[in-house]
């Protein structure tokens, strides 16, 4: 049995869970006395479970269901091991798992395996990405017919206005954030700075950078579960949906990354303020893959409510130095820390697919060694620029046919994701806006 579980003998049950294509945790509840068996032998469930739609339904025309007899995959523990689930009342352990074929091959339709495959490409070149993620989310009172900011536990009032970088807003929900940071410590999630953002009841927490992109994606996936679970214990909801309020900016999930060579040197740094040729090649790779990978960055119907000009969500394909209106930003600062910030994704993404799409695109660019267009200056929203797909259907088509995407993701994952999104789009058209919000509020 895992050492953590031996030390925490009060744990009564465990959950084993893997991320499906929408980032939803899918798995089982197992009595603790069977933990050794799970660690040794793994567990099994149908491969189709990682390819369910947002409602948890089978994909109607998926070859994973009836055509293949709904065959099982083997799910084995990830390197993470057991960890607590602080949002539950009873002491409970979570064991993250990922999917393999019976013969031990990674299952290509598993989003965590998709990221591993991209990282294997880096490893083959002697390179290691260093990644950091910034996650925005909303605290929401969803007890009535209309979403609104929760009542402050301190004042008993609602503050119906934006509170950008407001210490008061953070202090109003101090007990929640204290529990959240405690939970991150227990789960070994490297939560750093918290700020209040421009939306109603909107906040951002940064996860610290590190040289293990698979772990960074794990951290983001686990963090979303923790935030949503703890919010309910405090009497409100937390949501990473892209755009819960029509009149306010939505939530993004920005990623910063650099790349180290075998000697530990940052290959984006040449000692100058502009960065190396390799940095610009990586930028070009990200720009080239942006139209095709938009479906990863904006995977849901609500995602496209966020993708409008002037709402802190880049829609033009551009890059710039120290400019938050561009899709790709090169932050200023110490040249040794020269990095790329990718600003397109919404908070509603699957972190594994997002990190894979960005790092895969950057490596495409490094391999191709092509320069990007000149960096922009000024307001990107007011500039005439190539645009990413502005609607769900176009993004699905672009993802399916993009040559850049085909260099990043396995054909099976591309097929499964496209089938999933087309089914969701079909059924989503039958729903009212309020019904859509109800679906997305806590699932994404």
Protein backbone atom coordinates (compact mmCIF):
# COMPACT_ATOMS: atom_id res chain seq x y z
CA UNK A 1 0.00 0.00 0.00
CA UNK A 2 1.17 3.57 -0.70
CA UNK A 3 3.14 5.11 2.21
CA UNK A 4 0.81 8.12 2.39
CA UNK A 5 -2.18 5.85 2.83
CA UNK A 6 -0.39 3.82 5.54
CA UNK A 7 0.32 7.01 7.48
CA UNK A 8 -3.27 8.21 7.13
CA UNK A 9 -5.04 5.17 8.53
CA UNK A 10 -8.18 7.20 9.22
CA UNK A 11 -8.99 7.18 5.48
CA UNK A 12 -12.10 5.07 4.96
CA UNK A 13 -12.52 5.01 1.18
CA UNK A 14 -10.54 5.89 -1.92
CA UNK A 15 -11.51 7.31 -5.28
CA UNK A 16 -9.63 6.33 -8.42
CA UNK A 17 -10.10 8.89 -11.20
CA UNK A 18 -8.85 9.71 -14.69
CA UNK A 19 -9.53 12.80 -16.80
CA UNK A 20 -11.81 12.36 -19.82
CA UNK A 21 -11.55 14.56 -22.91
CA UNK A 22 -13.60 17.29 -21.20
CA UNK A 23 -11.36 17.12 -18.14
CA UNK A 24 -14.10 15.46 -16.08
CA UNK A 25 -12.87 13.01 -13.43
CA UNK A 26 -14.17 9.51 -14.26
CA UNK A 27 -13.59 6.58 -11.95
CA UNK A 28 -14.70 4.50 -8.99
CA UNK A 29 -15.13 4.45 -5.21
CA UNK A 30 -13.21 1.60 -3.58
CA UNK A 31 -12.94 0.49 0.08
CA UNK A 32 -9.51 1.22 1.53
CA UNK A 33 -8.83 -2.46 2.26
CA UNK A 34 -8.57 -3.06 -1.50
CA UNK A 35 -6.02 -0.29 -2.05
CA UNK A 36 -3.11 -2.72 -2.44
CA UNK A 37 -4.87 -4.46 -5.31
CA UNK A 38 -5.49 -1.17 -7.13
CA UNK A 39 -1.86 -0.11 -6.74
CA UNK A 40 -0.57 -3.46 -7.94
CA UNK A 41 -3.04 -4.39 -10.68
CA UNK A 42 -4.79 -1.12 -11.52
CA UNK A 43 -8.47 -1.08 -12.33
CA UNK A 44 -10.52 -1.38 -15.49
CA UNK A 45 -13.29 0.48 -17.23
CA UNK A 46 -14.36 0.94 -20.84
CA UNK A 47 -12.14 3.04 -23.08
CA UNK A 48 -15.31 4.87 -24.11
CA UNK A 49 -15.52 6.38 -20.60
CA UNK A 50 -12.71 8.79 -21.48
CA UNK A 51 -14.75 9.86 -24.52
CA UNK A 52 -18.10 10.82 -22.95
CA UNK A 53 -19.88 14.06 -23.74
CA UNK A 54 -20.38 16.87 -21.22
CA UNK A 55 -23.53 15.16 -19.89
CA UNK A 56 -21.64 11.89 -19.34
CA UNK A 57 -23.35 10.16 -22.27
CA UNK A 58 -21.78 7.81 -24.81
CA UNK A 59 -20.86 9.28 -28.18
CA UNK A 60 -23.50 7.90 -30.55
CA UNK A 61 -21.27 7.03 -33.49
CA UNK A 62 -18.06 6.32 -31.59
CA UNK A 63 -16.18 3.17 -32.66
CA UNK A 64 -15.25 2.75 -28.98
CA UNK A 65 -18.78 1.70 -28.00
CA UNK A 66 -20.75 -0.94 -29.89
CA UNK A 67 -18.37 -1.49 -32.83
CA UNK A 68 -15.62 -2.67 -30.48
CA UNK A 69 -17.87 -4.33 -27.90
CA UNK A 70 -17.17 -1.43 -25.50
CA UNK A 71 -13.78 -2.92 -24.63
CA UNK A 72 -12.00 -2.19 -21.37
CA UNK A 73 -8.82 -0.27 -20.86
CA UNK A 74 -6.46 -0.88 -17.93
CA UNK A 75 -6.04 2.13 -15.64
CA UNK A 76 -2.91 2.37 -13.55
CA UNK A 77 -1.85 4.89 -10.88
CA UNK A 78 0.06 7.94 -12.06
CA UNK A 79 3.29 9.02 -10.38
CA UNK A 80 1.23 11.23 -8.05
CA UNK A 81 0.05 8.46 -5.71
CA UNK A 82 -2.65 8.89 -3.07
CA UNK A 83 -3.69 12.29 -1.77
CA UNK A 84 -6.47 13.67 0.46
CA UNK A 85 -9.80 15.07 -0.74
CA UNK A 86 -10.26 17.97 1.72
CA UNK A 87 -13.68 18.95 0.38
CA UNK A 88 -15.35 15.72 1.57
CA UNK A 89 -16.67 15.17 5.10
CA UNK A 90 -15.31 11.64 5.58
CA UNK A 91 -11.53 11.09 5.35
CA UNK A 92 -11.04 10.03 1.74
CA UNK A 93 -8.07 9.49 -0.57
CA UNK A 94 -7.85 10.22 -4.29
CA UNK A 95 -5.66 8.10 -6.55
CA UNK A 96 -5.16 9.65 -10.02
CA UNK A 97 -4.98 7.03 -12.79
CA UNK A 98 -4.44 6.93 -16.55
CA UNK A 99 -5.32 4.45 -19.26
CA UNK A 100 -3.34 1.75 -21.06
CA UNK A 101 -4.13 -1.10 -23.44
CA UNK A 102 -4.11 -4.66 -22.16
CA UNK A 103 -0.57 -5.16 -23.53
CA UNK A 104 0.77 -2.10 -21.68
CA UNK A 105 0.71 0.41 -24.55
CA UNK A 106 -0.53 3.88 -23.58
CA UNK A 107 -4.11 4.52 -24.73
CA UNK A 108 -3.85 7.36 -27.26
CA UNK A 109 -7.33 8.68 -26.46
CA UNK A 110 -6.34 9.52 -22.87
CA UNK A 111 -5.58 13.27 -22.62
CA UNK A 112 -2.83 12.71 -20.05
CA UNK A 113 -1.20 10.23 -22.42
CA UNK A 114 -1.46 12.86 -25.18
CA UNK A 115 0.60 15.27 -23.09
CA UNK A 116 3.10 12.52 -22.26
CA UNK A 117 3.57 11.88 -25.99
CA UNK A 118 4.39 15.56 -26.60
CA UNK A 119 6.88 15.54 -23.72
CA UNK A 120 8.51 12.44 -25.19
CA UNK A 121 9.19 14.52 -28.33
CA UNK A 122 10.96 17.11 -26.19
CA UNK A 123 12.92 14.44 -24.32
CA UNK A 124 14.12 12.91 -27.61
CA UNK A 125 15.71 16.30 -28.44
CA UNK A 126 17.27 16.66 -24.97
CA UNK A 127 14.80 19.42 -24.03
CA UNK A 128 12.66 20.01 -20.93
CA UNK A 129 9.76 22.49 -20.84
CA UNK A 130 9.30 24.58 -17.70
CA UNK A 131 5.64 25.52 -17.25
CA UNK A 132 3.47 27.64 -14.97
CA UNK A 133 -0.32 28.07 -15.10
CA UNK A 134 -2.60 30.93 -14.03
CA UNK A 135 -6.20 29.92 -13.33
CA UNK A 136 -9.14 32.30 -13.11
CA UNK A 137 -12.48 31.32 -11.58
CA UNK A 138 -15.69 32.81 -10.21
CA UNK A 139 -17.34 32.42 -6.82
CA UNK A 140 -21.07 32.34 -7.52
CA UNK A 141 -24.34 32.22 -5.61
CA UNK A 142 -26.43 29.89 -7.78
CA UNK A 143 -29.23 29.34 -5.27
CA UNK A 144 -31.70 31.54 -7.17
CA UNK A 145 -32.85 31.82 -10.77
CA UNK A 146 -30.09 34.30 -11.58
CA UNK A 147 -26.36 33.90 -10.93
CA UNK A 148 -24.90 36.53 -8.62
CA UNK A 149 -21.94 37.24 -6.37
CA UNK A 150 -22.15 35.37 -3.05
CA UNK A 151 -22.97 37.29 0.08
CA UNK A 152 -19.78 38.27 1.88
CA UNK A 153 -19.30 36.06 4.94
CA UNK A 154 -17.84 39.10 6.72
CA UNK A 155 -20.27 41.91 5.86
CA UNK A 156 -23.40 39.98 4.86
CA UNK A 157 -23.61 42.14 1.72
CA UNK A 158 -23.15 41.60 -2.01
CA UNK A 159 -20.62 43.70 -3.85
CA UNK A 160 -22.05 43.91 -7.40
CA UNK A 161 -19.05 45.46 -9.10
CA UNK A 162 -15.64 44.52 -10.42
CA UNK A 163 -12.90 44.48 -7.78
CA UNK A 164 -9.65 44.36 -9.75
CA UNK A 165 -6.71 43.59 -7.41
CA UNK A 166 -8.88 44.42 -4.41
CA UNK A 167 -7.55 43.33 -1.04
CA UNK A 168 -11.02 43.89 0.37
CA UNK A 169 -12.49 41.34 -2.04
CA UNK A 170 -9.91 38.76 -0.97
CA UNK A 171 -10.54 39.50 2.70
CA UNK A 172 -14.31 39.14 2.30
CA UNK A 173 -13.76 35.47 1.44
CA UNK A 174 -10.74 34.95 3.66
CA UNK A 175 -12.05 31.74 5.27
CA UNK A 176 -12.55 30.16 1.84
CA UNK A 177 -9.08 31.13 0.63
CA UNK A 178 -7.51 29.95 3.89
CA UNK A 179 -9.13 26.55 3.44
CA UNK A 180 -8.13 26.55 -0.23
CA UNK A 181 -4.45 27.16 0.51
CA UNK A 182 -4.56 24.55 3.28
CA UNK A 183 -6.06 22.10 0.79
CA UNK A 184 -3.35 22.90 -1.75
CA UNK A 185 -0.71 22.16 0.88
CA UNK A 186 -2.34 18.83 1.72
CA UNK A 187 -2.58 17.87 -1.98
CA UNK A 188 0.88 19.25 -2.81
CA UNK A 189 -0.50 21.74 -5.34
CA UNK A 190 1.96 24.69 -5.62
CA UNK A 191 -0.55 27.54 -5.25
CA UNK A 192 1.16 30.92 -5.16
CA UNK A 193 -0.34 34.41 -5.48
CA UNK A 194 -4.08 35.06 -5.32
CA UNK A 195 -5.69 38.23 -6.71
CA UNK A 196 -9.21 39.46 -7.33
CA UNK A 197 -10.00 39.95 -11.00
CA UNK A 198 -12.21 42.15 -13.20
CA UNK A 199 -15.34 39.99 -13.14
CA UNK A 200 -18.03 39.74 -10.47
CA UNK A 201 -16.63 37.54 -7.71
CA UNK A 202 -13.71 36.58 -9.96
CA UNK A 203 -10.29 35.55 -8.66
CA UNK A 204 -7.01 34.21 -10.03
CA UNK A 205 -4.47 31.92 -8.43
CA UNK A 206 -1.07 31.21 -9.95
CA UNK A 207 0.50 27.77 -9.76
CA UNK A 208 4.29 27.90 -9.46
CA UNK A 209 6.52 26.99 -12.39
CA UNK A 210 8.36 23.69 -12.57
CA UNK A 211 10.27 21.43 -14.99
CA UNK A 212 7.55 18.73 -15.11
CA UNK A 213 4.75 19.75 -17.47
CA UNK A 214 2.80 16.58 -16.75
CA UNK A 215 2.75 17.48 -13.07
CA UNK A 216 1.74 21.07 -13.92
CA UNK A 217 -1.30 19.77 -15.79
CA UNK A 218 -2.05 17.41 -12.90
CA UNK A 219 -1.88 20.37 -10.53
CA UNK A 220 -4.37 22.37 -12.60
CA UNK A 221 -6.77 19.42 -12.92
CA UNK A 222 -6.64 18.72 -9.19
CA UNK A 223 -6.88 22.42 -8.33
CA UNK A 224 -10.13 22.77 -10.25
CA UNK A 225 -11.60 19.84 -8.33
CA UNK A 226 -10.44 21.30 -5.02
CA UNK A 227 -11.79 24.81 -5.69
CA UNK A 228 -15.22 23.56 -6.74
CA UNK A 229 -15.46 21.09 -3.86
CA UNK A 230 -14.42 23.56 -1.15
CA UNK A 231 -16.73 26.28 -2.46
CA UNK A 232 -19.73 24.03 -1.83
CA UNK A 233 -18.57 23.47 1.73
CA UNK A 234 -18.65 27.27 2.13
CA UNK A 235 -22.20 27.58 0.79
CA UNK A 236 -21.63 28.79 -2.78
CA UNK A 237 -20.40 27.52 -6.14
CA UNK A 238 -17.06 28.00 -7.84
CA UNK A 239 -16.91 27.91 -11.62
CA UNK A 240 -14.18 27.87 -14.25
CA UNK A 241 -16.72 28.32 -17.07
CA UNK A 242 -15.50 30.78 -19.65
CA UNK A 243 -18.22 33.42 -19.34
CA UNK A 244 -20.90 33.23 -16.62
CA UNK A 245 -21.83 36.95 -16.84
CA UNK A 246 -22.62 38.58 -20.18
CA UNK A 247 -21.44 42.07 -19.18
CA UNK A 248 -18.12 41.12 -17.59
CA UNK A 249 -14.92 39.51 -18.82
CA UNK A 250 -14.67 35.75 -18.64
CA UNK A 251 -12.06 33.46 -17.13
CA UNK A 252 -8.83 32.48 -18.82
CA UNK A 253 -6.14 29.90 -18.16
CA UNK A 254 -2.81 31.39 -19.19
CA UNK A 255 0.37 29.38 -19.50
CA UNK A 256 3.96 30.60 -19.19
CA UNK A 257 6.72 28.36 -20.47
CA UNK A 258 10.41 28.23 -21.27
CA UNK A 259 12.55 25.31 -22.45
CA UNK A 260 15.79 24.00 -20.93
CA UNK A 261 18.55 22.14 -22.77
CA UNK A 262 20.44 19.19 -21.27
CA UNK A 263 22.79 21.54 -19.44
CA UNK A 264 19.87 23.36 -17.82
CA UNK A 265 20.18 26.48 -19.98
CA UNK A 266 17.05 28.35 -21.08
CA UNK A 267 17.11 28.12 -24.89
CA UNK A 268 14.85 31.19 -25.16
CA UNK A 269 17.54 33.37 -23.57
CA UNK A 270 20.37 34.89 -25.60
CA UNK A 271 21.14 37.62 -23.07
CA UNK A 272 19.08 40.26 -24.89
CA UNK A 273 15.69 41.79 -24.15
CA UNK A 274 14.30 40.22 -27.34
CA UNK A 275 15.21 36.60 -26.66
CA UNK A 276 16.76 34.01 -28.93
CA UNK A 277 15.98 32.88 -32.46
CA UNK A 278 14.62 29.68 -30.89
CA UNK A 279 12.11 31.72 -28.89
CA UNK A 280 10.84 33.31 -32.09
CA UNK A 281 10.64 29.92 -33.80
CA UNK A 282 8.54 28.63 -30.89
CA UNK A 283 6.31 31.70 -31.19
CA UNK A 284 5.80 30.99 -34.88
CA UNK A 285 4.84 27.40 -34.07
CA UNK A 286 2.23 28.63 -31.58
CA UNK A 287 0.82 31.15 -34.07
CA UNK A 288 0.64 28.59 -36.88
CA UNK A 289 -1.21 26.04 -34.72
CA UNK A 290 -3.57 28.56 -33.12
CA UNK A 291 -6.51 28.26 -35.58
CA UNK A 292 -6.46 24.47 -35.50
CA UNK A 293 -6.05 24.21 -31.73
CA UNK A 294 -8.75 26.77 -30.88
CA UNK A 295 -11.12 23.90 -30.04
CA UNK A 296 -8.75 22.87 -27.25
CA UNK A 297 -8.59 26.46 -25.93
CA UNK A 298 -12.35 27.04 -26.35
CA UNK A 299 -13.99 23.60 -26.11
CA UNK A 300 -17.58 24.50 -25.17
CA UNK A 301 -20.53 26.53 -26.43
CA UNK A 302 -20.05 29.07 -23.64
CA UNK A 303 -16.34 29.43 -24.54
CA UNK A 304 -17.20 31.58 -27.56
CA UNK A 305 -19.10 34.09 -25.43
CA UNK A 306 -15.69 34.96 -23.95
CA UNK A 307 -13.89 35.18 -27.31
CA UNK A 308 -14.96 38.70 -28.24
CA UNK A 309 -12.70 41.71 -28.93
CA UNK A 310 -11.89 44.00 -26.02
CA UNK A 311 -12.81 41.51 -23.29
CA UNK A 312 -9.32 40.39 -22.22
CA UNK A 313 -9.59 37.30 -24.46
CA UNK A 314 -7.34 37.46 -27.54
CA UNK A 315 -9.11 36.82 -30.84
CA UNK A 316 -6.39 37.99 -33.26
CA UNK A 317 -3.39 35.81 -34.07
CA UNK A 318 -0.44 37.92 -32.96
CA UNK A 319 2.51 38.18 -30.64
CA UNK A 320 4.18 41.05 -28.85
CA UNK A 321 6.61 42.04 -26.16
CA UNK A 322 5.00 42.99 -22.85
CA UNK A 323 1.51 43.43 -24.33
CA UNK A 324 -1.52 41.74 -22.75
CA UNK A 325 -3.79 42.41 -25.72
CA UNK A 326 -1.83 39.96 -27.90
CA UNK A 327 -2.41 36.22 -28.02
CA UNK A 328 1.27 35.49 -27.36
CA UNK A 329 3.10 37.76 -24.92
CA UNK A 330 6.81 37.83 -24.17
CA UNK A 331 7.09 39.19 -20.62
CA UNK A 332 9.91 41.56 -19.72
CA UNK A 333 12.35 40.94 -16.88
CA UNK A 334 15.55 39.03 -16.27
CA UNK A 335 16.76 37.50 -19.58
CA UNK A 336 17.57 34.25 -17.76
CA UNK A 337 13.83 33.85 -17.18
CA UNK A 338 12.86 34.67 -20.79
CA UNK A 339 9.60 32.88 -21.55
CA UNK A 340 6.43 32.80 -23.62
CA UNK A 341 2.97 33.51 -22.21
CA UNK A 342 0.12 31.89 -24.17
CA UNK A 343 -3.08 33.82 -23.38
CA UNK A 344 -5.82 32.26 -25.52
CA UNK A 345 -7.30 29.44 -23.43
CA UNK A 346 -10.38 29.82 -21.25
CA UNK A 347 -10.70 28.52 -17.72
CA UNK A 348 -13.01 25.77 -19.00
CA UNK A 349 -10.29 23.79 -20.79
CA UNK A 350 -8.93 20.31 -20.14
CA UNK A 351 -5.47 21.22 -18.74
CA UNK A 352 -3.80 18.15 -20.27
CA UNK A 353 -4.98 18.96 -23.79
CA UNK A 354 -4.19 22.66 -23.37
CA UNK A 355 -0.61 22.10 -22.21
CA UNK A 356 -0.11 19.47 -24.93
CA UNK A 357 -1.45 21.80 -27.63
CA UNK A 358 0.79 24.72 -26.60
CA UNK A 359 3.98 22.76 -26.04
CA UNK A 360 3.38 20.67 -29.16
CA UNK A 361 2.89 23.79 -31.26
CA UNK A 362 6.05 25.38 -29.84
CA UNK A 363 8.06 22.27 -30.65
CA UNK A 364 6.65 22.25 -34.18
CA UNK A 365 8.05 25.75 -34.51
CA UNK A 366 11.43 24.85 -33.03
CA UNK A 367 11.70 21.93 -35.46
CA UNK A 368 10.67 24.04 -38.47
CA UNK A 369 12.94 27.00 -37.50
CA UNK A 370 10.74 29.61 -39.22
CA UNK A 371 10.48 33.21 -38.09
CA UNK A 372 7.14 34.74 -37.08
CA UNK A 373 5.79 38.00 -38.48
CA UNK A 374 6.92 41.17 -36.75
CA UNK A 375 5.61 41.61 -33.20
CA UNK A 376 2.71 44.02 -32.92
CA UNK A 377 2.58 47.17 -30.84
CA UNK A 378 -0.44 48.89 -29.36
CA UNK A 379 -3.96 47.51 -29.02
CA UNK A 380 -4.28 44.11 -30.73
CA UNK A 381 -8.09 44.34 -30.56
CA UNK A 382 -7.99 47.38 -32.85
CA UNK A 383 -5.48 45.90 -35.30
CA UNK A 384 -6.25 44.11 -38.57
CA UNK A 385 -5.06 40.59 -37.80
CA UNK A 386 -5.76 37.00 -38.84
CA UNK A 387 -8.49 35.70 -36.55
CA UNK A 388 -8.92 32.43 -34.69
CA UNK A 389 -12.23 30.60 -35.35
CA UNK A 390 -15.03 32.65 -33.81
CA UNK A 391 -17.63 29.91 -33.45
CA UNK A 392 -17.76 26.34 -32.20
CA UNK A 393 -18.51 24.67 -35.54
CA UNK A 394 -15.60 26.37 -37.29
CA UNK A 395 -13.25 25.44 -34.47
CA UNK A 396 -14.30 21.78 -34.68
CA UNK A 397 -13.67 21.72 -38.43
CA UNK A 398 -10.30 23.44 -38.05
CA UNK A 399 -9.17 21.00 -35.35
CA UNK A 400 -10.15 18.02 -37.51
CA UNK A 401 -8.22 19.18 -40.59
CA UNK A 402 -5.27 21.16 -39.22
CA UNK A 403 -1.86 19.80 -40.28
CA UNK A 404 -0.30 21.41 -37.20
CA UNK A 405 -2.74 19.61 -34.89
CA UNK A 406 -1.97 16.29 -36.62
CA UNK A 407 1.68 16.75 -35.62
CA UNK A 408 0.66 17.20 -31.97
CA UNK A 409 -2.19 14.75 -31.31
CA UNK A 410 -2.74 11.10 -32.21
CA UNK A 411 -5.41 10.49 -34.91
CA UNK A 412 -7.56 8.58 -32.40
CA UNK A 413 -7.69 11.50 -29.99
CA UNK A 414 -8.49 13.92 -32.83
CA UNK A 415 -11.33 11.65 -34.00
CA UNK A 416 -12.73 11.16 -30.48
CA UNK A 417 -12.62 14.87 -29.61
CA UNK A 418 -14.31 15.87 -32.87
CA UNK A 419 -17.09 13.30 -32.41
CA UNK A 420 -17.60 14.47 -28.84
CA UNK A 421 -17.86 18.14 -29.73
CA UNK A 422 -20.18 17.57 -32.69
CA UNK A 423 -22.55 15.59 -30.48
CA UNK A 424 -22.47 18.28 -27.81
CA UNK A 425 -23.09 21.02 -30.36
CA UNK A 426 -26.10 19.13 -31.74
CA UNK A 427 -27.79 18.77 -28.35
CA UNK A 428 -26.71 22.17 -27.05
CA UNK A 429 -28.68 23.87 -29.84
CA UNK A 430 -31.90 22.59 -28.24
CA UNK A 431 -31.22 24.28 -24.88
CA UNK A 432 -31.92 27.75 -23.55
CA UNK A 433 -29.02 29.96 -22.39
CA UNK A 434 -29.95 29.28 -18.76
CA UNK A 435 -29.90 25.53 -19.35
CA UNK A 436 -26.46 25.83 -20.89
CA UNK A 437 -25.16 27.74 -17.88
CA UNK A 438 -26.58 25.08 -15.56
CA UNK A 439 -24.66 22.38 -17.44
CA UNK A 440 -21.34 24.21 -17.54
CA UNK A 441 -21.40 25.90 -14.12
CA UNK A 442 -19.63 23.16 -12.18
CA UNK A 443 -18.74 20.55 -14.79
CA UNK A 444 -15.94 22.48 -16.50
